[in-house]
Amino acid sequence: RNKNKGQNISIPISQRHRRPSYFLSPPCPAMEGDIERVLWNEDQISKRVSELAAQLTLDFTGAPPPVFVGVATGAAVFLADLVRRLSIPVFIDFVRVGSYGFGTQSNGAPTITSDLKLDVSGKHVVLVEDIVDTGNTIARLISHLESKGASSVSVCTFLNKPSRRKTSFQMVGKGKFYQGFECPDYFMVGYGMDFAELYRNLPYVGVLKPECYEGFGGIEPQN
């Protein structure tokens, strides 16, 4: 799932419609060759995730074990790193929301395509996201969890992009909003974020070169 917007950069005709390296027949360049620049490296990410985990541990110490719900697939890497740094007992589950498919742009109408397995009624829930931008998906999920009887709903997002917010949302009960980094309006991949389901396994967050997504229906990608 990818929701952030690329810059309008002029690309030489010879480079247009180039697919990411993994679409090419071997031999092909490494994924790193498709990255224009790194925004947050491994050390910066690790430090910030540890800080978030410390704050969450403090906030939930003495409370019943919260349910950490990862929004698949983008939040999987962040969720795994985050929960391993917590010093409290937690439940873990996943939810999947469809609005992007294999394409490059959200249709603006997120739907739950794979629901929770755990009962969250009366429990504290922490929604874990890779990025919150328009607010459409997170607003839909908060409403969904509230309807399931969650006593509180917090959001912990790795990246926050308020410049693209279209839908407002509120936490449930005493829920809080936690963010890793506030991000610029670039098309980013890595650390769980993808383009066409690639680049999720990069250990850093980088800006994807425009020539890697040129030619996909003439639509600018959005994460």
C-alpha atoms as a PDB file:
ATOM      1  CA  ARG A   1       0.000   0.000   0.000  1.00  0.00           C
ATOM      2  CA  ASN A   2       1.509   3.271  -0.995  1.00  0.00           C
ATOM      3  CA  LYS A   3       0.035   6.663  -0.447  1.00  0.00           C
ATOM      4  CA  ASN A   4       2.538   9.419  -0.961  1.00  0.00           C
ATOM      5  CA  LYS A   5       2.869  11.694  -3.904  1.00  0.00           C
ATOM      6  CA  GLY A   6       5.832  12.079  -6.260  1.00  0.00           C
ATOM      7  CA  GLN A   7       7.289  15.330  -7.455  1.00  0.00           C
ATOM      8  CA  ASN A   8       6.696  16.610 -10.987  1.00  0.00           C
ATOM      9  CA  ILE A   9      10.225  16.099 -12.299  1.00  0.00           C
ATOM     10  CA  SER A  10      11.080  16.246 -15.996  1.00  0.00           C
ATOM     11  CA  ILE A  11      12.402  12.874 -17.172  1.00  0.00           C
ATOM     12  CA  PRO A  12      14.432  12.435 -20.376  1.00  0.00           C
ATOM     13  CA  ILE A  13      12.437  10.630 -23.076  1.00  0.00           C
ATOM     14  CA  SER A  14      15.068   7.893 -23.172  1.00  0.00           C
ATOM     15  CA  GLN A  15      14.361   7.067 -19.521  1.00  0.00           C
ATOM     16  CA  ARG A  16      10.566   7.284 -19.552  1.00  0.00           C
ATOM     17  CA  HIS A  17       8.443   4.179 -19.018  1.00  0.00           C
ATOM     18  CA  ARG A  18      11.351   2.422 -17.334  1.00  0.00           C
ATOM     19  CA  ARG A  19      10.177  -0.175 -14.851  1.00  0.00           C
ATOM     20  CA  PRO A  20      11.794  -0.672 -11.431  1.00  0.00           C
ATOM     21  CA  SER A  21      14.864  -2.878 -11.524  1.00  0.00           C
ATOM     22  CA  TYR A  22      12.990  -5.982 -10.378  1.00  0.00           C
ATOM     23  CA  PHE A  23      10.766  -5.831 -13.477  1.00  0.00           C
ATOM     24  CA  LEU A  24      13.798  -6.155 -15.737  1.00  0.00           C
ATOM     25  CA  SER A  25      15.307  -9.396 -16.973  1.00  0.00           C
ATOM     26  CA  PRO A  26      18.559 -10.293 -15.206  1.00  0.00           C
ATOM     27  CA  PRO A  27      21.118  -9.002 -14.862  1.00  0.00           C
ATOM     28  CA  CYS A  28      19.504  -5.966 -13.232  1.00  0.00           C
ATOM     29  CA  PRO A  29      20.767  -3.273 -10.835  1.00  0.00           C
ATOM     30  CA  ALA A  30      20.141  -3.612  -7.106  1.00  0.00           C
ATOM     31  CA  MET A  31      17.087  -1.933  -5.624  1.00  0.00           C
ATOM     32  CA  GLU A  32      19.344   0.780  -4.242  1.00  0.00           C
ATOM     33  CA  GLY A  33      19.891   1.961  -7.804  1.00  0.00           C
ATOM     34  CA  ASP A  34      16.235   2.996  -7.949  1.00  0.00           C
ATOM     35  CA  ILE A  35      16.519   5.296  -4.920  1.00  0.00           C
ATOM     36  CA  GLU A  36      17.057   8.999  -5.517  1.00  0.00           C
ATOM     37  CA  ARG A  37      18.052   9.734  -1.925  1.00  0.00           C
ATOM     38  CA  VAL A  38      17.646   8.368   1.585  1.00  0.00           C
ATOM     39  CA  LEU A  39      15.408  10.318   3.959  1.00  0.00           C
ATOM     40  CA  TRP A  40      15.885   8.235   7.122  1.00  0.00           C
ATOM     41  CA  ASN A  41      18.617   5.652   7.512  1.00  0.00           C
ATOM     42  CA  GLU A  42      18.659   2.517   9.660  1.00  0.00           C
ATOM     43  CA  ASP A  43      20.171   4.191  12.703  1.00  0.00           C
ATOM     44  CA  GLN A  44      17.694   7.067  12.654  1.00  0.00           C
ATOM     45  CA  ILE A  45      14.767   4.679  12.286  1.00  0.00           C
ATOM     46  CA  SER A  46      15.989   2.395  15.069  1.00  0.00           C
ATOM     47  CA  LYS A  47      16.451   5.311  17.457  1.00  0.00           C
ATOM     48  CA  ARG A  48      12.979   6.706  16.782  1.00  0.00           C
ATOM     49  CA  VAL A  49      11.275   3.312  17.069  1.00  0.00           C
ATOM     50  CA  SER A  50      12.963   2.793  20.443  1.00  0.00           C
ATOM     51  CA  GLU A  51      11.684   6.192  21.592  1.00  0.00           C
ATOM     52  CA  LEU A  52       8.144   5.334  20.533  1.00  0.00           C
ATOM     53  CA  ALA A  53       8.323   1.971  22.285  1.00  0.00           C
ATOM     54  CA  ALA A  54       9.512   3.635  25.485  1.00  0.00           C
ATOM     55  CA  GLN A  55       6.592   6.072  25.392  1.00  0.00           C
ATOM     56  CA  LEU A  56       4.059   3.315  24.699  1.00  0.00           C
ATOM     57  CA  THR A  57       5.513   1.186  27.496  1.00  0.00           C
ATOM     58  CA  LEU A  58       5.160   4.098  29.891  1.00  0.00           C
ATOM     59  CA  ASP A  59       1.602   4.877  28.794  1.00  0.00           C
ATOM     60  CA  PHE A  60       0.369   1.285  29.106  1.00  0.00           C
ATOM     61  CA  THR A  61       2.255   0.159  32.208  1.00  0.00           C
ATOM     62  CA  GLY A  62      -0.263  -1.020  34.783  1.00  0.00           C
ATOM     63  CA  ALA A  63      -3.069  -1.306  32.217  1.00  0.00           C
ATOM     64  CA  PRO A  64      -4.506  -4.541  30.788  1.00  0.00           C
ATOM     65  CA  PRO A  65      -2.466  -5.789  27.800  1.00  0.00           C
ATOM     66  CA  PRO A  66      -3.329  -3.664  24.759  1.00  0.00           C
ATOM     67  CA  VAL A  67      -3.967  -5.083  21.294  1.00  0.00           C
ATOM     68  CA  PHE A  68      -1.489  -3.872  18.687  1.00  0.00           C
ATOM     69  CA  VAL A  69      -3.157  -4.044  15.286  1.00  0.00           C
ATOM     70  CA  GLY A  70      -0.901  -3.776  12.265  1.00  0.00           C
ATOM     71  CA  VAL A  71      -2.362  -2.534   8.997  1.00  0.00           C
ATOM     72  CA  ALA A  72      -1.102  -5.013   6.423  1.00  0.00           C
ATOM     73  CA  THR A  73       1.076  -5.045   4.525  1.00  0.00           C
ATOM     74  CA  GLY A  74       2.912  -1.774   4.911  1.00  0.00           C
ATOM     75  CA  ALA A  75       3.063  -1.670   8.710  1.00  0.00           C
ATOM     76  CA  ALA A  76       4.448  -5.193   9.149  1.00  0.00           C
ATOM     77  CA  VAL A  77       8.117  -4.163   9.405  1.00  0.00           C
ATOM     78  CA  PHE A  78       7.422  -1.245  11.733  1.00  0.00           C
ATOM     79  CA  LEU A  79       5.116  -3.330  13.928  1.00  0.00           C
ATOM     80  CA  ALA A  80       7.690  -6.117  14.281  1.00  0.00           C
ATOM     81  CA  ASP A  81      10.422  -3.689  15.344  1.00  0.00           C
ATOM     82  CA  LEU A  82       8.104  -1.751  17.645  1.00  0.00           C
ATOM     83  CA  VAL A  83       6.613  -4.612  19.674  1.00  0.00           C
ATOM     84  CA  ARG A  84      10.006  -6.235  20.259  1.00  0.00           C
ATOM     85  CA  ARG A  85      11.091  -3.081  22.074  1.00  0.00           C
ATOM     86  CA  LEU A  86       8.059  -2.979  24.379  1.00  0.00           C
ATOM     87  CA  SER A  87       8.447  -3.991  28.022  1.00  0.00           C
ATOM     88  CA  ILE A  88       4.776  -4.819  28.557  1.00  0.00           C
ATOM     89  CA  PRO A  89       2.611  -7.789  27.539  1.00  0.00           C
ATOM     90  CA  VAL A  90       0.629  -7.177  24.339  1.00  0.00           C
ATOM     91  CA  PHE A  91      -1.677  -8.945  21.936  1.00  0.00           C
ATOM     92  CA  ILE A  92      -0.886  -8.695  18.210  1.00  0.00           C
ATOM     93  CA  ASP A  93      -3.246  -8.907  15.264  1.00  0.00           C
ATOM     94  CA  PHE A  94      -3.541  -7.640  11.688  1.00  0.00           C
ATOM     95  CA  VAL A  95      -6.184  -6.048   9.536  1.00  0.00           C
ATOM     96  CA  ARG A  96      -6.079  -5.542   5.799  1.00  0.00           C
ATOM     97  CA  VAL A  97      -7.684  -2.603   4.026  1.00  0.00           C
ATOM     98  CA  GLY A  98      -8.213  -2.417   0.285  1.00  0.00           C
ATOM     99  CA  SER A  99      -8.153   0.819  -1.680  1.00  0.00           C
ATOM    100  CA  TYR A 100      -4.978   0.582  -3.766  1.00  0.00           C
ATOM    101  CA  GLY A 101      -4.603  -2.942  -5.117  1.00  0.00           C
ATOM    102  CA  PHE A 102      -1.584  -3.244  -7.419  1.00  0.00           C
ATOM    103  CA  GLY A 103      -2.066   0.266  -8.740  1.00  0.00           C
ATOM    104  CA  THR A 104      -0.568   3.588  -7.838  1.00  0.00           C
ATOM    105  CA  GLN A 105      -3.434   5.669  -6.550  1.00  0.00           C
ATOM    106  CA  SER A 106      -6.105   5.188  -3.901  1.00  0.00           C
ATOM    107  CA  ASN A 107      -9.732   5.115  -4.973  1.00  0.00           C
ATOM    108  CA  GLY A 108     -10.542   7.017  -1.768  1.00  0.00           C
ATOM    109  CA  ALA A 109     -12.975   4.382  -0.490  1.00  0.00           C
ATOM    110  CA  PRO A 110     -11.109   2.023   1.884  1.00  0.00           C
ATOM    111  CA  THR A 111     -12.810  -1.257   2.726  1.00  0.00           C
ATOM    112  CA  ILE A 112     -11.858  -3.955   5.244  1.00  0.00           C
ATOM    113  CA  THR A 113     -10.761  -6.969   3.209  1.00  0.00           C
ATOM    114  CA  SER A 114      -9.362  -9.069   6.081  1.00  0.00           C
ATOM    115  CA  ASP A 115     -10.642  -8.503   9.602  1.00  0.00           C
ATOM    116  CA  LEU A 116      -9.202  -9.127  13.061  1.00  0.00           C
ATOM    117  CA  LYS A 117      -9.109 -12.573  14.603  1.00  0.00           C
ATOM    118  CA  LEU A 118      -9.031 -11.261  18.177  1.00  0.00           C
ATOM    119  CA  ASP A 119     -11.985  -9.904  20.104  1.00  0.00           C
ATOM    120  CA  VAL A 120     -11.170  -6.279  20.964  1.00  0.00           C
ATOM    121  CA  SER A 121     -14.327  -5.565  22.947  1.00  0.00           C
ATOM    122  CA  GLY A 122     -13.388  -3.704  26.131  1.00  0.00           C
ATOM    123  CA  LYS A 123      -9.701  -3.629  25.183  1.00  0.00           C
ATOM    124  CA  HIS A 124      -7.210  -0.869  24.478  1.00  0.00           C
ATOM    125  CA  VAL A 125      -6.207  -0.963  20.804  1.00  0.00           C
ATOM    126  CA  VAL A 126      -3.143   0.590  19.168  1.00  0.00           C
ATOM    127  CA  LEU A 127      -3.462   0.840  15.392  1.00  0.00           C
ATOM    128  CA  VAL A 128      -0.015   0.605  13.805  1.00  0.00           C
ATOM    129  CA  GLU A 129       0.378   2.205  10.362  1.00  0.00           C
ATOM    130  CA  ASP A 130       3.266   2.798   7.982  1.00  0.00           C
ATOM    131  CA  ILE A 131       1.987   6.217   6.938  1.00  0.00           C
ATOM    132  CA  VAL A 132      -1.040   8.423   7.591  1.00  0.00           C
ATOM    133  CA  ASP A 133      -1.694  10.972   4.872  1.00  0.00           C
ATOM    134  CA  THR A 134      -5.248  11.628   3.626  1.00  0.00           C
ATOM    135  CA  GLY A 135      -6.697  10.092   6.790  1.00  0.00           C
ATOM    136  CA  ASN A 136      -9.239   8.027   4.839  1.00  0.00           C
ATOM    137  CA  THR A 137      -7.915   4.630   5.888  1.00  0.00           C
ATOM    138  CA  ILE A 138      -7.210   5.451   9.516  1.00  0.00           C
ATOM    139  CA  ALA A 139     -10.624   7.101   9.972  1.00  0.00           C
ATOM    140  CA  ARG A 140     -12.284   3.984   8.563  1.00  0.00           C
ATOM    141  CA  LEU A 141     -10.308   1.704  10.878  1.00  0.00           C
ATOM    142  CA  ILE A 142     -10.929   3.784  13.998  1.00  0.00           C
ATOM    143  CA  SER A 143     -14.650   3.688  13.288  1.00  0.00           C
ATOM    144  CA  HIS A 144     -14.468  -0.063  12.677  1.00  0.00           C
ATOM    145  CA  LEU A 145     -12.686  -0.740  15.970  1.00  0.00           C
ATOM    146  CA  GLU A 146     -15.050   1.511  17.878  1.00  0.00           C
ATOM    147  CA  SER A 147     -17.970  -0.465  16.458  1.00  0.00           C
ATOM    148  CA  LYS A 148     -16.322  -3.631  17.791  1.00  0.00           C
ATOM    149  CA  GLY A 149     -16.395  -2.201  21.309  1.00  0.00           C
ATOM    150  CA  ALA A 150     -12.756  -1.192  21.832  1.00  0.00           C
ATOM    151  CA  SER A 151     -12.499   0.852  25.035  1.00  0.00           C
ATOM    152  CA  SER A 152      -9.827   3.075  23.502  1.00  0.00           C
ATOM    153  CA  VAL A 153      -8.128   3.375  20.123  1.00  0.00           C
ATOM    154  CA  SER A 154      -4.692   4.929  19.695  1.00  0.00           C
ATOM    155  CA  VAL A 155      -2.782   5.348  16.440  1.00  0.00           C
ATOM    156  CA  CYS A 156       0.954   4.780  16.113  1.00  0.00           C
ATOM    157  CA  THR A 157       2.176   5.662  12.636  1.00  0.00           C
ATOM    158  CA  PHE A 158       5.731   5.473  11.417  1.00  0.00           C
ATOM    159  CA  LEU A 159       5.226   8.446   9.077  1.00  0.00           C
ATOM    160  CA  ASN A 160       2.706  11.274   9.236  1.00  0.00           C
ATOM    161  CA  LYS A 161       1.917  13.526   6.294  1.00  0.00           C
ATOM    162  CA  PRO A 162      -0.560  16.173   7.503  1.00  0.00           C
ATOM    163  CA  SER A 163      -0.048  18.274   4.359  1.00  0.00           C
ATOM    164  CA  ARG A 164      -2.240  15.797   2.465  1.00  0.00           C
ATOM    165  CA  ARG A 165      -4.966  15.332   5.070  1.00  0.00           C
ATOM    166  CA  LYS A 166      -8.472  15.165   3.616  1.00  0.00           C
ATOM    167  CA  THR A 167     -10.364  13.343   6.359  1.00  0.00           C
ATOM    168  CA  SER A 168     -10.267  14.276  10.029  1.00  0.00           C
ATOM    169  CA  PHE A 169     -10.241  11.579  12.696  1.00  0.00           C
ATOM    170  CA  GLN A 170     -10.343  11.354  16.457  1.00  0.00           C
ATOM    171  CA  MET A 171      -8.996   8.797  18.874  1.00  0.00           C
ATOM    172  CA  VAL A 172     -11.445   6.714  20.910  1.00  0.00           C
ATOM    173  CA  GLY A 173     -11.586   7.045  24.685  1.00  0.00           C
ATOM    174  CA  LYS A 174      -8.193   8.012  26.069  1.00  0.00           C
ATOM    175  CA  GLY A 175      -6.403   7.030  22.893  1.00  0.00           C
ATOM    176  CA  LYS A 176      -3.364   8.997  21.725  1.00  0.00           C
ATOM    177  CA  PHE A 177      -1.690   9.755  18.401  1.00  0.00           C
ATOM    178  CA  TYR A 178       1.959   8.660  18.157  1.00  0.00           C
ATOM    179  CA  GLN A 179       4.162   9.405  15.155  1.00  0.00           C
ATOM    180  CA  GLY A 180       7.669   8.492  14.158  1.00  0.00           C
ATOM    181  CA  PHE A 181       8.457  11.232  11.655  1.00  0.00           C
ATOM    182  CA  GLU A 182       6.532  13.966   9.863  1.00  0.00           C
ATOM    183  CA  CYS A 183       7.326  13.434   6.223  1.00  0.00           C
ATOM    184  CA  PRO A 184       7.613  15.611   3.118  1.00  0.00           C
ATOM    185  CA  ASP A 185       5.410  15.150   0.062  1.00  0.00           C
ATOM    186  CA  TYR A 186       7.602  12.696  -1.852  1.00  0.00           C
ATOM    187  CA  PHE A 187       7.014   9.209  -3.201  1.00  0.00           C
ATOM    188  CA  MET A 188       8.775   7.064  -0.576  1.00  0.00           C
ATOM    189  CA  VAL A 189       9.589   3.382  -0.379  1.00  0.00           C
ATOM    190  CA  GLY A 190      11.359   1.083   2.056  1.00  0.00           C
ATOM    191  CA  TYR A 191      10.832  -0.030   5.651  1.00  0.00           C
ATOM    192  CA  GLY A 192       7.566  -1.704   4.672  1.00  0.00           C
ATOM    193  CA  MET A 193       6.411   0.828   2.076  1.00  0.00           C
ATOM    194  CA  ASP A 194       6.221  -0.280  -1.530  1.00  0.00           C
ATOM    195  CA  PHE A 195       5.686   0.557  -5.136  1.00  0.00           C
ATOM    196  CA  ALA A 196       3.954  -2.255  -7.052  1.00  0.00           C
ATOM    197  CA  GLU A 197       4.679  -4.494  -4.030  1.00  0.00           C
ATOM    198  CA  LEU A 198       8.454  -3.993  -4.294  1.00  0.00           C
ATOM    199  CA  TYR A 199      11.033  -2.248  -2.076  1.00  0.00           C
ATOM    200  CA  ARG A 200       9.320  -3.130   1.225  1.00  0.00           C
ATOM    201  CA  ASN A 201      12.466  -4.900   2.467  1.00  0.00           C
ATOM    202  CA  LEU A 202      14.775  -1.903   2.155  1.00  0.00           C
ATOM    203  CA  PRO A 203      16.025  -1.124   5.691  1.00  0.00           C
ATOM    204  CA  TYR A 204      15.722   2.635   5.209  1.00  0.00           C
ATOM    205  CA  VAL A 205      13.180   5.088   3.756  1.00  0.00           C
ATOM    206  CA  GLY A 206      14.117   6.626   0.435  1.00  0.00           C
ATOM    207  CA  VAL A 207      12.650   8.644  -2.407  1.00  0.00           C
ATOM    208  CA  LEU A 208      11.984   6.506  -5.480  1.00  0.00           C
ATOM    209  CA  LYS A 209      13.391   7.853  -8.730  1.00  0.00           C
ATOM    210  CA  PRO A 210      10.547   9.183 -10.911  1.00  0.00           C
ATOM    211  CA  GLU A 211      11.677   7.137 -13.918  1.00  0.00           C
ATOM    212  CA  CYS A 212      10.817   4.003 -11.941  1.00  0.00           C
ATOM    213  CA  TYR A 213       7.117   4.813 -11.908  1.00  0.00           C
ATOM    214  CA  GLU A 214       6.744   6.789 -15.143  1.00  0.00           C
ATOM    215  CA  GLY A 215       4.406   5.118 -17.588  1.00  0.00           C
ATOM    216  CA  PHE A 216       1.966   3.605 -15.081  1.00  0.00           C
ATOM    217  CA  GLY A 217      -1.142   4.983 -16.757  1.00  0.00           C
ATOM    218  CA  GLY A 218       0.141   8.544 -16.583  1.00  0.00           C
ATOM    219  CA  ILE A 219      -0.826   8.747 -12.899  1.00  0.00           C
ATOM    220  CA  GLU A 220       1.519  10.049 -10.243  1.00  0.00           C
ATOM    221  CA  PRO A 221       1.983   7.416  -7.535  1.00  0.00           C
ATOM    222  CA  GLN A 222       0.783   8.227  -4.051  1.00  0.00           C
ATOM    223  CA  ASN A 223       1.630   6.522  -0.826  1.00  0.00           C
END
